Protein backbone atom coordinates (compact mmCIF):
# COMPACT_ATOMS: atom_id res chain seq x y z
CA MET A 1 19.30 53.87 3.02
CA SER A 2 19.89 55.17 -0.49
CA ASN A 3 22.34 52.33 -1.10
CA ILE A 4 19.76 49.75 0.00
CA HIS A 5 17.17 51.30 -2.31
CA PHE A 6 19.62 51.21 -5.21
CA LEU A 7 20.57 47.58 -4.48
CA ILE A 8 16.97 46.35 -4.41
CA ASP A 9 16.05 48.41 -7.47
CA PHE A 10 18.98 47.06 -9.50
CA LEU A 11 18.42 43.46 -8.40
CA LEU A 12 14.74 43.68 -9.33
CA PHE A 13 14.79 45.62 -12.60
CA GLY A 14 18.43 45.72 -13.71
CA PHE A 15 19.04 47.76 -16.86
CA PHE A 16 15.39 48.21 -17.84
CA PRO A 17 14.80 51.95 -18.54
CA GLU A 18 13.48 53.61 -15.40
CA GLN A 19 10.82 55.64 -17.22
CA GLN A 20 9.44 52.43 -18.77
CA ARG A 21 9.26 50.31 -15.62
CA TRP A 22 5.52 50.80 -15.38
CA ARG A 23 5.37 48.16 -18.09
CA LEU A 24 7.01 45.65 -15.75
CA MET A 25 4.43 46.41 -13.07
CA ILE A 26 1.67 45.56 -15.55
CA ILE A 27 3.46 42.31 -16.44
CA LEU A 28 3.43 41.34 -12.76
CA LEU A 29 -0.30 42.09 -12.63
CA ILE A 30 -0.78 39.95 -15.75
CA CYS A 31 0.99 37.04 -14.03
CA LEU A 32 -1.31 37.35 -11.02
CA SER A 33 -4.34 37.67 -13.30
CA HIS A 34 -3.36 34.49 -15.11
CA THR A 35 -3.20 32.54 -11.85
CA TRP A 36 -6.66 33.85 -10.89
CA LEU A 37 -7.97 32.92 -14.35
CA THR A 38 -6.59 29.40 -13.97
CA LEU A 39 -8.35 28.96 -10.64
CA LYS A 40 -11.62 30.18 -12.16
CA PHE A 41 -11.24 27.69 -15.00
CA ALA A 42 -10.50 24.88 -12.54
CA ARG A 43 -13.82 25.61 -10.82
CA HIS A 44 -15.58 25.57 -14.23
CA SER A 45 -16.51 29.23 -13.81
CA ILE A 46 -15.34 29.95 -17.36
CA PRO A 47 -15.44 27.69 -20.46
CA LEU A 48 -12.34 26.16 -22.02
CA LYS A 49 -12.38 28.33 -25.16
CA THR A 50 -12.56 31.50 -23.06
CA PHE A 51 -9.68 30.31 -20.89
CA ILE A 52 -7.50 29.53 -23.91
CA LEU A 53 -8.27 32.87 -25.56
CA CYS A 54 -7.65 34.87 -22.38
CA SER A 55 -4.42 32.98 -21.67
CA PHE A 56 -3.16 33.69 -25.18
CA CYS A 57 -4.03 37.38 -24.84
CA LEU A 58 -2.29 37.64 -21.45
CA LEU A 59 0.87 35.95 -22.71
CA THR A 60 1.11 38.04 -25.88
CA SER A 61 0.34 41.22 -23.91
CA SER A 62 3.13 40.53 -21.44
CA TRP A 63 5.57 39.89 -24.31
CA TYR A 64 4.48 43.09 -26.03
CA LEU A 65 4.89 45.11 -22.84
CA ALA A 66 8.35 43.66 -22.23
CA PHE A 67 9.78 44.44 -25.67
CA GLY A 68 7.43 46.91 -27.39
CA ASP A 69 7.03 47.49 -31.12
CA GLY A 70 8.46 50.95 -31.75
CA TRP A 71 5.00 52.35 -32.50
CA LEU A 72 2.88 52.49 -29.38
CA LEU A 73 5.64 51.39 -27.02
CA ASN A 74 9.37 51.96 -27.23
CA ILE A 75 11.41 48.94 -28.31
CA ILE A 76 13.37 47.44 -25.42
CA PRO A 77 16.38 45.27 -26.41
CA THR A 78 16.40 41.82 -24.84
CA ASN A 79 19.63 42.59 -22.97
CA GLN A 80 17.85 45.36 -21.05
CA LEU A 81 15.23 42.97 -19.67
CA SER A 82 17.27 41.97 -16.65
CA GLY A 83 17.18 41.50 -12.91
CA PHE A 84 14.68 39.38 -11.02
CA ILE A 85 11.94 40.43 -13.43
CA LEU A 86 13.82 38.44 -16.10
CA ASN A 87 13.57 35.30 -13.95
CA ILE A 88 9.83 35.90 -13.55
CA CYS A 89 9.27 36.49 -17.26
CA LEU A 90 11.25 33.42 -18.31
CA ALA A 91 9.23 31.26 -15.93
CA TYR A 92 5.90 32.84 -16.88
CA TRP A 93 6.47 32.44 -20.62
CA SER A 94 7.99 28.97 -20.54
CA ILE A 95 5.53 27.24 -18.17
CA PRO A 96 2.28 27.69 -20.22
CA ILE A 97 4.00 27.00 -23.55
CA ALA A 98 5.73 23.87 -22.26
CA THR A 99 2.56 22.59 -20.56
CA VAL A 100 0.41 22.96 -23.68
CA MET A 101 3.03 21.31 -25.89
CA SER A 102 3.41 18.50 -23.37
CA VAL A 103 -0.31 17.73 -23.67
CA GLY A 104 0.15 17.16 -27.41
CA PHE A 105 3.23 14.98 -26.93
CA CYS A 106 1.43 13.02 -24.21
CA TYR A 107 -1.38 12.25 -26.65
CA LEU A 108 1.14 10.96 -29.19
CA MET A 109 2.87 8.75 -26.62
CA ILE A 110 -0.43 7.23 -25.44
CA TYR A 111 -2.44 6.86 -28.67
CA GLN A 112 0.15 7.04 -31.45
CA PRO A 113 3.24 5.28 -30.03
CA GLU A 114 4.05 3.56 -33.34
CA LEU A 115 4.63 6.79 -35.29
CA TRP A 116 8.25 7.71 -36.00
CA PRO A 117 7.86 11.29 -34.62
CA THR A 118 6.77 9.73 -31.33
CA HIS A 119 9.85 7.50 -31.25
CA CYS A 120 12.09 10.48 -32.00
CA PHE A 121 10.48 12.53 -29.24
CA VAL A 122 10.83 9.72 -26.67
CA ILE A 123 14.54 9.34 -27.47
CA LEU A 124 15.11 13.10 -27.39
CA ALA A 125 13.21 13.46 -24.09
CA LYS A 126 15.33 10.74 -22.49
CA ILE A 127 18.51 12.46 -23.64
CA ILE A 128 17.35 15.83 -22.30
CA ARG A 129 16.41 14.35 -18.91
CA SER A 130 19.84 12.73 -18.67
CA ILE A 131 21.83 15.97 -19.09
CA PRO A 132 22.02 19.08 -16.89
CA LEU A 133 20.06 22.15 -17.96
CA ILE A 134 23.24 24.19 -18.27
CA THR A 135 24.53 21.72 -20.88
CA LEU A 136 21.38 22.25 -22.93
CA LEU A 137 21.70 26.03 -22.60
CA PHE A 138 25.31 25.95 -23.78
CA PHE A 139 24.36 23.70 -26.71
CA ILE A 140 21.61 26.06 -27.89
CA THR A 141 23.73 29.18 -27.30
CA LEU A 142 27.06 28.07 -28.79
CA ILE A 143 26.87 24.81 -30.76
CA LEU A 144 23.45 25.03 -32.45
CA PRO A 145 24.22 28.36 -34.24
CA MET A 146 27.44 26.87 -35.61
CA MET A 147 25.62 23.77 -36.85
CA THR A 148 22.70 25.60 -38.48
CA ASN A 149 24.18 29.06 -39.31
CA ILE A 150 21.15 30.57 -37.56
CA GLU A 151 21.80 33.51 -35.26
CA ILE A 152 20.30 32.90 -31.82
CA THR A 153 20.34 35.55 -29.10
CA ARG A 154 21.11 34.58 -25.54
CA PHE A 155 17.57 35.39 -24.50
CA GLN A 156 16.11 33.18 -27.24
CA ALA A 157 18.50 30.40 -26.25
CA ALA A 158 17.51 30.68 -22.58
CA LEU A 159 13.76 30.65 -23.26
CA THR A 160 14.04 27.80 -25.78
CA GLY A 161 16.22 25.74 -23.45
CA LEU A 162 13.86 26.18 -20.51
CA ILE A 163 10.83 25.20 -22.60
CA ILE A 164 12.50 22.08 -24.04
CA PHE A 165 13.83 21.04 -20.62
CA LEU A 166 10.42 21.53 -19.01
CA ILE A 167 8.59 19.57 -21.74
CA ALA A 168 10.83 16.54 -21.18
CA TYR A 169 9.80 16.39 -17.52
CA ILE A 170 6.13 17.37 -17.80
CA VAL A 171 5.45 14.64 -20.37
CA GLU A 172 6.68 12.03 -17.90
CA VAL A 173 4.47 13.55 -15.20
CA PHE A 174 1.45 13.35 -17.51
CA LYS A 175 2.32 9.80 -18.52
CA GLY A 176 2.45 8.69 -14.89
CA ALA A 177 -0.85 10.46 -14.16
CA HIS A 178 -2.45 8.65 -17.10
CA GLN A 179 -1.35 5.28 -15.74
CA ALA A 180 -3.17 6.12 -12.48
CA ILE A 181 -6.55 6.26 -14.27
CA ASP A 182 -8.81 3.32 -13.44
CA THR A 183 -8.84 0.75 -16.23
CA HIS A 184 -12.63 0.46 -15.94
CA GLN A 185 -12.92 3.95 -17.38
CA HIS A 186 -11.02 2.87 -20.49
CA GLU A 187 -13.32 -0.13 -20.83
CA SER A 188 -16.41 2.07 -20.41
CA ALA A 189 -15.13 4.49 -23.05
CA ALA A 190 -14.51 1.60 -25.46
CA ALA A 191 -18.04 0.29 -24.83
CA LEU A 192 -19.46 3.71 -25.66
CA GLN A 193 -17.20 3.89 -28.74
CA ILE A 194 -15.37 6.94 -27.41
CA THR A 195 -11.86 6.61 -28.78
CA GLY A 196 -8.88 8.62 -29.96
CA ILE A 197 -8.78 12.36 -29.47
CA ARG A 198 -12.34 12.49 -28.04
CA LYS A 199 -11.43 10.02 -25.30
CA PHE A 200 -8.21 11.87 -24.54
CA ILE A 201 -9.85 15.29 -24.26
CA HIS A 202 -13.04 14.36 -22.39
CA ILE A 203 -11.92 11.41 -20.24
CA ASP A 204 -8.14 11.19 -19.95
CA LEU A 205 -6.96 14.81 -19.89
CA PRO A 206 -9.15 16.08 -16.98
CA GLN A 207 -7.95 13.21 -14.79
CA ILE A 208 -4.35 13.56 -15.96
CA ILE A 209 -4.36 17.21 -14.89
CA LYS A 210 -6.06 16.37 -11.58
CA ASN A 211 -3.63 13.56 -10.74
CA SER A 212 -0.53 15.48 -11.77
CA ILE A 213 -1.09 18.80 -9.94
CA PRO A 214 1.37 18.12 -7.06
CA SER A 215 4.11 16.86 -9.39
CA LEU A 216 3.46 19.68 -11.86
CA ILE A 217 3.80 22.36 -9.19
CA ASN A 218 7.00 20.73 -7.99
CA THR A 219 8.33 20.79 -11.56
CA TYR A 220 7.33 24.44 -11.98
CA ILE A 221 9.08 25.42 -8.75
CA GLY A 222 12.20 23.62 -9.94
CA LEU A 223 12.05 25.58 -13.20
CA ILE A 224 11.70 28.89 -11.33
CA LYS A 225 14.92 28.14 -9.48
CA ASP A 226 16.59 26.92 -12.68
CA THR A 227 16.04 30.30 -14.33
CA ALA A 228 19.01 31.51 -12.26
CA LEU A 229 21.24 29.38 -14.52
CA VAL A 230 20.76 31.77 -17.43
CA THR A 231 23.40 34.04 -15.89
CA ILE A 232 26.01 31.46 -16.96
CA ILE A 233 25.26 32.09 -20.65
CA GLY A 234 25.57 35.86 -20.18
CA LEU A 235 22.10 37.08 -19.30
CA SER A 236 21.83 39.66 -16.53
CA ASP A 237 19.23 38.08 -14.33
CA SER A 238 19.12 38.63 -10.56
CA LEU A 239 22.31 36.62 -9.97
CA GLY A 240 24.06 38.29 -12.88
CA ASN A 241 23.25 41.72 -11.48
CA LEU A 242 24.37 40.53 -8.05
CA GLN A 243 27.78 39.67 -9.47
CA LEU A 244 27.98 43.11 -11.05
CA LEU A 245 27.23 44.76 -7.71
CA ILE A 246 29.81 42.66 -5.88
CA ALA A 247 32.40 43.57 -8.51
CA LYS A 248 31.96 47.23 -7.60
CA TYR A 249 34.20 48.39 -4.76
CA GLU A 250 31.51 50.16 -2.78
CA PHE A 251 29.35 47.01 -2.59
CA LYS A 252 31.98 44.32 -2.09
CA HIS A 253 31.32 44.19 1.67
CA ASP A 254 27.55 43.82 1.15
CA PHE A 255 27.64 40.42 -0.51
CA LEU A 256 25.80 38.72 2.39
CA LEU A 257 23.01 41.29 2.17
CA LEU A 258 22.81 40.85 -1.61
CA PHE A 259 22.59 37.07 -1.40
CA ALA A 260 19.96 37.38 1.33
CA ILE A 261 17.83 39.63 -0.90
CA ILE A 262 18.08 37.20 -3.83
CA ALA A 263 17.27 34.25 -1.58
CA ALA A 264 14.24 36.08 -0.17
CA LEU A 265 12.96 36.91 -3.66
CA PHE A 266 13.22 33.33 -4.91
CA TRP A 267 11.71 31.98 -1.68
CA MET A 268 8.77 34.36 -2.01
CA LEU A 269 8.14 33.41 -5.65
CA CYS A 270 8.38 29.66 -4.96
CA PHE A 271 6.15 30.01 -1.88
CA ILE A 272 3.50 31.81 -3.94
CA CYS A 273 3.69 29.05 -6.57
CA SER A 274 3.28 26.42 -3.82
CA LEU A 275 0.20 28.19 -2.43
CA PHE A 276 -1.23 28.42 -5.93
CA GLY A 277 -0.72 24.68 -6.35
CA LYS A 278 -2.62 23.91 -3.14
CA LYS A 279 -5.51 26.17 -4.13
CA LEU A 280 -5.58 24.69 -7.62
CA GLU A 281 -5.64 21.15 -6.27
CA LYS A 282 -8.66 22.02 -4.10
CA ALA A 283 -10.38 24.05 -6.80
CA ILE A 284 -10.25 21.59 -9.67
CA VAL A 285 -13.49 19.64 -9.99
CA TYR A 286 -15.13 17.32 -12.48
CA GLU A 287 -18.28 18.18 -14.33
């Protein structure tokens, strides 16, 4: 029984200091609070500015709790944030950032397609979608520092790679959702002289989000599973810690149990994300 407790504890939290793990519990609560906040915003229970401010506060608070500042909270090195909680944090931090940035790139592709930054982004997005995620992670971890002489930690490389990879796919989801909007709405907006950023924010974006919810959730679930790839660049996520446990003699016969625990954790997280997507699709309404 003690071995099982140790296995689950190590797979979940890894090398994070035991006396500081209360911070990880608060991060999990923050993730749940953010999903609840999103549902409230979808029902128009809270205004947009409040949602943006609260989302920013939740994201920065989770980052602060994970790594500290050396003043109020002890500093935790990035290599100690490990285990399944690392997979959760990578997904939680990358999904909102990538989604918000994708909205901006979507606007450029729809309303400013002739600008050279838009052309550069379209070419880069096509390249990213045509390569595996692990190739992008290796490029950011190994090749980019040699080309730029900028030191990049493995954690920074993993988070950056996941965000870039997710943006390339979300933009295409948004673009397809925009094409599903009835052309009569564009004509009505033109007749009312609603153009540019006003048209995008008040007419296009609400319908883009509504139409893209199923595809977005599918993309998010794919990203959650892709976070397991960070073990290949040396991060000790749940799979990395699993390999460490298997390498130990006393746990080499428990590899089936270890894989079953990891599979159950990822299934549970993806199932929760799927349920959230269904609730969000039902909750989102138009004013």
